[in-house]
Protein backbone atom coordinates (compact mmCIF):
# COMPACT_ATOMS: atom_id res chain seq x y z
CA MET A 1 -0.12 -18.48 -13.27
CA ASN A 2 0.81 -14.82 -13.73
CA PRO A 3 -1.00 -12.29 -11.53
CA ILE A 4 -3.73 -10.21 -13.35
CA PHE A 5 -3.44 -6.41 -13.51
CA ILE A 6 -5.95 -4.05 -15.01
CA ASP A 7 -5.15 -0.83 -16.81
CA VAL A 8 -6.43 2.22 -14.96
CA GLN A 9 -6.79 5.51 -16.84
CA LEU A 10 -5.43 8.52 -14.95
CA PRO A 11 -6.09 11.71 -16.96
CA SER A 12 -3.40 14.28 -16.97
CA PHE A 13 -1.09 12.27 -14.65
CA ARG A 14 2.41 11.21 -15.74
CA SER A 15 5.33 9.78 -13.80
CA SER A 16 8.81 10.17 -15.20
CA ARG A 17 10.01 7.11 -13.27
CA ALA A 18 8.53 3.62 -12.66
CA VAL A 19 6.78 3.33 -9.25
CA ILE A 20 5.67 0.25 -7.41
CA ALA A 21 3.19 0.60 -4.57
CA PHE A 22 2.51 -2.18 -2.04
CA GLY A 23 -0.98 -1.21 -0.81
CA SER A 24 -2.55 -1.91 2.54
CA ASP A 25 -2.74 -5.08 4.66
CA SER A 26 -6.52 -5.16 4.27
CA LYS A 27 -7.86 -5.75 0.81
CA ASN A 28 -4.27 -5.65 -0.51
CA THR A 29 -3.49 -4.67 -4.06
CA VAL A 30 -0.26 -3.68 -5.79
CA SER A 31 0.00 -0.92 -8.34
CA TYR A 32 2.52 0.19 -10.84
CA ILE A 33 2.77 3.61 -12.63
CA HIS A 34 5.22 4.76 -15.29
CA GLY A 35 4.49 7.56 -17.80
CA ASN A 36 0.82 7.71 -18.31
CA LYS A 37 0.34 3.94 -17.62
CA CYS A 38 -1.16 2.74 -14.38
CA LEU A 39 -1.64 -0.95 -13.61
CA LEU A 40 -3.74 -2.14 -10.62
CA SER A 41 -3.67 -5.78 -9.39
CA GLY A 42 -6.67 -7.75 -8.25
CA ASN A 43 -7.70 -7.87 -4.55
CA HIS A 44 -5.28 -10.23 -2.83
CA GLY A 45 -7.39 -10.16 0.40
CA PRO A 46 -6.02 -9.51 3.93
CA LEU A 47 -2.32 -10.13 4.43
CA SER A 48 -3.09 -12.10 7.64
CA ASP A 49 -3.98 -14.86 5.38
CA PRO A 50 -1.04 -17.05 4.01
CA GLU A 51 -2.74 -17.55 0.54
CA SER A 52 -3.19 -13.78 0.27
CA VAL A 53 0.43 -13.17 1.21
CA MET A 54 1.43 -15.57 -1.61
CA LYS A 55 -0.70 -13.75 -4.25
CA PHE A 56 0.74 -10.40 -2.98
CA GLU A 57 4.31 -11.53 -3.31
CA GLU A 58 3.70 -13.00 -6.69
CA ALA A 59 2.29 -9.69 -7.92
CA VAL A 60 5.23 -7.72 -6.51
CA GLU A 61 7.71 -10.28 -8.16
CA ASN A 62 5.91 -9.83 -11.41
CA VAL A 63 6.19 -6.00 -11.37
CA ILE A 64 9.88 -6.22 -10.46
CA LYS A 65 10.67 -8.68 -13.34
CA THR A 66 8.71 -6.90 -16.03
CA ALA A 67 8.90 -3.20 -15.18
CA ARG A 68 12.12 -2.55 -13.15
CA PRO A 69 10.61 -0.04 -10.65
CA ALA A 70 12.71 2.96 -9.54
CA ILE A 71 10.63 4.06 -6.59
CA ALA A 72 8.65 2.20 -3.91
CA GLY A 73 5.53 3.45 -2.12
CA VAL A 74 4.19 1.84 1.16
CA ASP A 75 1.80 2.55 4.00
CA LEU A 76 2.98 4.62 6.92
CA HIS A 77 2.09 1.85 9.35
CA PRO A 78 5.47 0.36 10.35
CA ASP A 79 4.02 -3.03 11.21
CA TYR A 80 1.96 -3.77 8.12
CA TYR A 81 3.33 -6.81 6.24
CA SER A 82 2.99 -4.85 3.05
CA THR A 83 5.22 -2.09 4.48
CA VAL A 84 7.83 -4.49 5.73
CA HIS A 85 7.90 -6.33 2.41
CA GLY A 86 8.17 -3.01 0.63
CA GLU A 87 11.03 -1.87 2.74
CA ARG A 88 12.85 -5.21 2.13
CA THR A 89 12.22 -4.83 -1.65
CA SER A 90 13.44 -1.23 -1.55
CA ASP A 91 16.61 -2.32 0.09
CA GLU A 92 17.19 -5.25 -2.32
CA LEU A 93 16.62 -3.17 -5.45
CA GLY A 94 18.51 -0.11 -4.02
CA ILE A 95 15.63 2.30 -4.75
CA PRO A 96 14.12 5.08 -2.62
CA ILE A 97 10.91 4.50 -0.62
CA ALA A 98 8.05 6.76 0.21
CA ARG A 99 6.07 6.12 3.31
CA ILE A 100 2.55 7.41 2.68
CA GLN A 101 -0.21 8.21 5.19
CA HIS A 102 -3.34 5.94 4.56
CA HIS A 103 -5.96 8.66 4.09
CA HIS A 104 -3.75 10.81 1.89
CA ALA A 105 -3.45 7.81 -0.37
CA HIS A 106 -7.22 7.37 -0.39
CA ALA A 107 -7.67 10.96 -1.47
CA ALA A 108 -4.85 10.89 -4.04
CA SER A 109 -6.37 7.76 -5.73
CA CYS A 110 -9.70 9.62 -6.26
CA MET A 111 -7.98 12.87 -7.33
CA ALA A 112 -5.87 11.03 -9.86
CA GLU A 113 -8.87 9.23 -11.35
CA HIS A 114 -10.56 12.61 -11.90
CA GLY A 115 -7.51 14.60 -12.85
CA LEU A 116 -7.74 16.94 -9.86
CA LYS A 117 -4.66 19.14 -8.69
CA GLU A 118 -6.25 20.27 -5.46
CA SER A 119 -9.21 19.26 -3.26
CA LEU A 120 -10.73 19.07 0.14
CA ALA A 121 -10.97 15.41 0.68
CA LEU A 122 -13.41 13.74 3.17
CA VAL A 123 -11.92 10.34 3.82
CA PHE A 124 -14.14 8.16 5.98
CA ASP A 125 -13.09 4.54 6.68
CA GLY A 126 -12.46 1.94 9.37
CA THR A 127 -8.90 2.76 10.28
CA GLY A 128 -5.51 4.05 9.06
CA TYR A 129 -2.26 4.85 10.85
CA GLY A 130 -1.81 8.55 11.43
CA THR A 131 1.26 10.66 11.55
CA ASP A 132 0.78 11.06 15.36
CA GLY A 133 0.67 7.24 15.87
CA ASN A 134 -3.11 7.24 16.44
CA LEU A 135 -5.87 5.56 14.52
CA TRP A 136 -7.47 7.99 12.06
CA GLY A 137 -10.50 7.41 9.99
CA ALA A 138 -12.81 10.48 9.73
CA GLU A 139 -10.46 12.96 7.97
CA LEU A 140 -10.90 16.21 6.28
CA LEU A 141 -7.69 16.88 4.28
CA HIS A 142 -6.49 19.59 2.03
CA VAL A 143 -4.62 17.84 -0.69
CA ASP A 144 -2.49 19.14 -3.63
CA SER A 145 0.67 18.04 -5.36
CA GLY A 146 2.78 19.30 -2.51
CA GLY A 147 1.19 17.05 0.12
CA TYR A 148 -1.68 17.34 2.55
CA ARG A 149 -2.84 19.08 5.64
CA ARG A 150 -5.21 17.51 8.21
CA LEU A 151 -8.09 20.00 9.03
CA ALA A 152 -10.79 18.12 10.82
CA THR A 153 -11.71 14.79 12.34
CA PHE A 154 -13.89 13.07 14.86
CA ALA A 155 -12.97 13.17 18.56
CA ALA A 156 -11.34 9.92 19.53
CA ALA A 157 -13.35 7.10 21.14
CA PRO A 158 -12.08 4.12 23.07
CA LEU A 159 -11.90 0.55 21.61
CA PRO A 160 -11.89 -1.75 24.61
CA GLY A 161 -10.04 -4.91 23.64
CA GLY A 162 -8.60 -3.32 20.41
CA ASP A 163 -9.48 -5.48 17.43
CA ALA A 164 -11.97 -7.52 19.48
CA SER A 165 -14.21 -4.38 19.70
CA VAL A 166 -14.55 -4.43 15.91
CA ARG A 167 -15.96 -7.95 16.14
CA GLU A 168 -17.99 -7.01 19.19
CA PRO A 169 -19.24 -3.49 18.56
CA VAL A 170 -21.07 -3.55 21.86
CA ARG A 171 -17.63 -3.07 23.50
CA GLN A 172 -17.31 0.28 21.61
CA LEU A 173 -20.85 1.24 22.66
CA LEU A 174 -19.95 0.64 26.20
CA GLY A 175 -16.76 2.61 25.98
CA ARG A 176 -18.60 5.57 24.41
CA MET A 177 -21.46 5.57 26.89
CA TYR A 178 -19.65 5.07 30.22
CA SER A 179 -15.94 5.46 29.99
CA TYR A 180 -15.95 9.25 30.65
CA VAL A 181 -19.09 9.76 32.47
CA SER A 182 -19.94 8.51 36.01
CA SER A 183 -22.30 5.55 36.07
CA SER A 184 -24.02 3.58 38.85
CA LYS A 185 -24.07 -0.10 39.16
CA GLU A 186 -27.74 0.05 38.34
CA GLU A 187 -27.13 1.93 35.04
CA LEU A 188 -24.34 -0.56 34.07
CA ALA A 189 -26.63 -3.56 35.03
CA GLU A 190 -29.38 -2.03 32.81
CA PHE A 191 -27.00 -1.72 29.98
CA CYS A 192 -25.98 -5.35 30.21
CA LYS A 193 -29.47 -6.47 30.35
CA ARG A 194 -30.51 -4.39 27.38
CA GLN A 195 -27.47 -5.39 25.27
CA ASP A 196 -27.29 -9.06 26.46
CA VAL A 197 -23.76 -8.64 27.89
CA ASP A 198 -22.22 -10.45 30.82
CA PRO A 199 -21.79 -7.97 33.71
CA GLU A 200 -18.29 -9.33 34.38
CA ASN A 201 -17.27 -8.67 30.81
CA ALA A 202 -18.72 -5.20 30.83
CA PHE A 203 -16.81 -4.35 34.05
CA MET A 204 -13.54 -5.68 32.44
CA TRP A 205 -14.09 -3.54 29.33
CA LEU A 206 -14.67 -0.43 31.31
CA LYS A 207 -11.51 -1.08 33.36
CA GLN A 208 -9.58 -1.48 30.11
CA ALA A 209 -10.83 1.90 29.00
CA GLU A 210 -10.31 3.57 32.42
CA ARG A 211 -6.76 2.24 32.72
CA ASN A 212 -5.87 2.44 29.06
CA ILE A 213 -4.97 -1.24 28.92
CA ASN A 214 -5.32 -2.83 25.38
CA CYS A 215 -7.81 0.07 24.63
CA PRO A 216 -6.58 2.21 21.68
CA LYS A 217 -8.65 5.28 20.73
CA SER A 218 -9.93 5.73 17.27
CA HIS A 219 -11.16 8.76 15.20
CA SER A 220 -12.85 6.43 12.80
CA ALA A 221 -16.17 6.99 11.00
CA GLY A 222 -16.31 3.17 10.44
CA ARG A 223 -16.07 2.72 14.27
CA LEU A 224 -18.86 5.24 14.77
CA PHE A 225 -21.07 3.15 12.53
CA ASP A 226 -20.30 0.12 14.62
CA SER A 227 -21.24 1.96 17.84
CA VAL A 228 -24.52 3.39 16.50
CA SER A 229 -25.40 -0.04 14.96
CA ALA A 230 -24.91 -1.59 18.55
CA LEU A 231 -26.84 1.15 20.09
CA LEU A 232 -29.88 0.51 17.84
CA GLY A 233 -29.58 -3.19 18.23
CA CYS A 234 -28.61 -3.77 14.65
CA ALA A 235 -25.30 -5.53 15.32
CA PRO A 236 -24.03 -5.91 18.85
CA ARG A 237 -21.74 -8.62 17.44
CA ILE A 238 -20.78 -9.36 13.92
CA ALA A 239 -19.66 -12.41 11.96
CA GLN A 240 -18.22 -10.63 8.82
CA GLU A 241 -16.54 -7.41 8.05
CA ALA A 242 -18.62 -4.21 7.78
CA GLU A 243 -21.78 -6.19 8.90
CA ALA A 244 -22.66 -3.51 11.45
CA ALA A 245 -22.56 -0.66 8.92
CA ILE A 246 -24.47 -2.72 6.34
CA ASN A 247 -27.16 -3.58 8.81
CA LEU A 248 -27.48 0.12 9.88
CA GLN A 249 -27.78 1.23 6.18
CA LYS A 250 -30.38 -1.45 5.60
CA ALA A 251 -32.44 -0.13 8.64
CA ALA A 252 -32.17 3.43 7.40
CA GLU A 253 -33.34 2.44 3.89
CA ALA A 254 -36.33 0.63 5.37
CA CYS A 255 -37.45 3.91 7.07
CA LYS A 256 -40.72 5.41 5.67
CA ASP A 257 -40.56 8.57 7.80
CA LYS A 258 -38.86 11.78 7.40
CA PRO A 259 -35.34 11.84 9.02
CA TYR A 260 -34.69 14.11 11.94
CA ALA A 261 -31.02 14.56 12.48
CA ALA A 262 -31.34 16.11 15.92
CA LEU A 263 -32.25 12.64 17.25
CA MET A 264 -28.61 11.65 16.78
CA PRO A 265 -26.77 14.84 17.97
CA PHE A 266 -23.11 15.77 17.88
CA LYS A 267 -21.14 18.90 18.99
CA SER A 268 -17.99 20.31 17.72
CA PHE A 269 -14.93 22.12 19.08
CA GLU A 270 -11.65 23.54 17.85
CA LYS A 271 -8.23 22.65 19.14
CA ASP A 272 -4.76 23.34 17.79
CA ASP A 273 -6.20 24.86 14.68
CA MET A 274 -8.42 21.71 13.86
CA LEU A 275 -12.09 21.05 14.12
CA TYR A 276 -13.34 17.96 16.09
CA ILE A 277 -16.70 16.45 15.83
CA ASP A 278 -17.72 15.00 19.21
CA TRP A 279 -20.47 12.36 19.07
CA SER A 280 -20.92 11.87 22.80
CA PRO A 281 -24.32 13.62 22.83
CA THR A 282 -25.70 10.70 20.80
CA PHE A 283 -24.53 8.14 23.37
CA ILE A 284 -25.19 9.96 26.55
CA ASN A 285 -28.91 9.48 26.08
CA ALA A 286 -29.31 5.75 26.10
CA ASP A 287 -33.15 5.80 26.04
CA ILE A 288 -33.37 4.33 22.57
CA VAL A 289 -36.72 2.77 21.56
CA SER A 290 -36.23 -0.29 19.42
CA SER A 291 -39.51 0.49 17.53
CA ARG A 292 -37.95 3.62 16.23
CA ARG A 293 -34.75 1.94 14.99
CA ASN A 294 -35.26 2.64 11.35
CA LEU A 295 -35.99 6.28 11.89
CA LEU A 296 -32.95 6.62 14.11
CA ALA A 297 -30.84 4.83 11.66
CA LEU A 298 -31.96 7.22 8.87
CA SER A 299 -31.58 10.24 11.04
CA PHE A 300 -27.90 9.12 11.91
CA HIS A 301 -27.05 9.12 8.26
CA HIS A 302 -28.39 12.68 7.89
CA SER A 303 -26.71 13.76 11.14
CA LEU A 304 -23.40 12.29 9.76
CA ALA A 305 -23.90 14.33 6.62
CA ASP A 306 -24.45 17.41 8.84
CA ALA A 307 -21.17 16.72 10.62
CA ALA A 308 -19.33 16.28 7.30
CA MET A 309 -20.73 19.58 6.00
CA LYS A 310 -19.55 21.29 9.19
CA MET A 311 -16.11 19.90 8.61
CA LEU A 312 -16.21 21.27 5.07
CA GLU A 313 -17.37 24.62 6.18
CA PHE A 314 -14.31 24.73 8.32
CA GLY A 315 -12.02 23.61 5.51
CA THR A 316 -13.40 25.98 2.90
CA ALA A 317 -12.80 28.96 5.23
CA LYS A 318 -9.13 28.11 4.91
CA PHE A 319 -8.81 26.89 1.33
CA ALA A 320 -10.86 28.31 -1.51
CA THR A 321 -11.50 25.20 -3.56
CA GLY A 322 -14.78 23.85 -4.73
CA ASN A 323 -13.46 20.38 -5.41
CA ILE A 324 -14.68 17.98 -2.79
CA VAL A 325 -13.39 14.37 -2.76
CA LEU A 326 -15.46 11.61 -0.95
CA SER A 327 -13.19 8.55 -0.38
CA GLY A 328 -12.72 5.64 1.94
CA GLY A 329 -14.69 2.48 2.61
CA VAL A 330 -17.45 4.29 4.50
CA PHE A 331 -18.52 5.74 1.19
CA MET A 332 -19.37 2.31 -0.19
CA ASN A 333 -22.65 3.21 1.72
CA SER A 334 -24.66 4.38 -1.23
CA LEU A 335 -27.17 6.11 1.01
CA LEU A 336 -24.57 8.27 2.77
CA LEU A 337 -22.79 8.93 -0.61
CA GLY A 338 -26.10 10.12 -2.24
CA ILE A 339 -26.90 12.30 0.72
CA MET A 340 -23.47 14.01 0.61
CA LYS A 341 -23.52 14.52 -3.19
CA SER A 342 -26.91 16.19 -2.96
CA ARG A 343 -25.89 18.44 -0.18
CA LEU A 344 -22.67 19.54 -2.09
CA GLU A 345 -24.43 19.94 -5.41
CA ALA A 346 -27.02 22.15 -3.81
CA ILE A 347 -24.30 24.61 -2.65
CA LYS A 348 -22.52 24.49 -6.07
CA PHE A 349 -19.56 22.38 -4.96
CA LYS A 350 -18.18 19.72 -7.25
CA ALA A 351 -18.39 16.33 -5.52
CA PHE A 352 -16.01 13.55 -6.77
CA SER A 353 -16.28 9.97 -5.74
CA HIS A 354 -14.67 6.75 -7.03
CA GLU A 355 -15.81 5.37 -10.29
CA LYS A 356 -13.14 3.05 -11.55
CA ILE A 357 -10.57 2.86 -8.73
CA PRO A 358 -12.12 1.25 -5.57
CA THR A 359 -13.07 3.64 -2.80
CA ASN A 360 -12.03 1.07 -0.09
CA ASP A 361 -8.45 -0.21 0.55
CA CYS A 362 -8.35 -1.93 -2.81
CA GLY A 363 -7.63 1.52 -4.25
CA ILE A 364 -4.94 2.48 -1.73
CA SER A 365 -1.96 1.29 -3.81
CA VAL A 366 -2.86 3.67 -6.68
CA GLY A 367 -2.86 6.63 -4.32
CA GLN A 368 0.40 5.45 -2.98
CA ALA A 369 2.00 5.24 -6.37
CA VAL A 370 0.71 8.71 -7.39
CA ILE A 371 2.06 10.35 -4.21
CA ALA A 372 5.42 8.53 -4.38
CA ALA A 373 5.78 9.76 -8.04
CA LEU A 374 4.94 13.35 -7.04
CA GLU A 375 7.31 13.38 -4.15
CA ASN A 376 10.05 12.10 -6.34
CA SER A 377 9.29 14.74 -9.05
CA ASN A 378 9.32 17.41 -6.25
CA ASP A 379 12.76 16.22 -5.31
CA GLU A 380 14.17 16.33 -8.85
């Protein structure tokens, strides 16, 4: 059975040469662009699954046989299966390859959908490999046909146990609350009681953070949702992807009170010509009352919008564009997306979000193909 591709309209974008893009390892898709034609495959699923890998490879083979690509585009992450397979394909076909930063691809997919030449892009998601080797995921980028510049992000936070902390957001919460501030045994014991955590496990997670053992740091907005969800008791542990964020959104939408963003505070600082949003003030005060969960969840959404607007204020002082792109899996949250669009429209900015191309990693391959085509045209 031949893989199914859908035709995606990209107004005012053309590629003089055929491009194949290999997508991400999560929610993998494959894209093909040539002339004004863009084809996007269905979601193959995660490439950690053998059946998903088979679908992915069939889609790639279909493009190679029918379209004869001249350029390949892959994610910057060197260990992604999609990247490795793209490199192998590039070698076999003798064609150039473009290695593309994850969040740049997110932004480019939305910009191509709307025919934008320049934007300030807020890209909020779970993770993406950065040019510095760190985990990005709350990025303000200035993007144009010449590339991108990273302007602002969230301050990095520890992920004790790495991927395990995504399945158990309470690990992230512990890391944010106690890794960099002194805590007594009594405070740690109270945390364990409140969060139903084995004290021995909590001690081990803290040691991982303190000694930097299997404890990467992440700038991600998605991981912030995990931590806040655990803080409010919405999802200390999860059974499926994005469960923590979904539960937090549901709690916020159930609130009948007026939000008060100051209940979930942040601070900001500048370093090396970038702005950083630091969420530690939200986690330093652990006196969270469960009866106020819905109010705090809604207030967090508004505080997050405040932080995003502060990032944009920093960005617009450097680049005079009114085009604001909202991309990445976090913007599948319709509540946050609506708040952001209202804020931006109120100050006469043009807010662009995904309409046909998915905002999550299913749309990554389109952005990769667009950027690979632009890089090739710039080299001609």
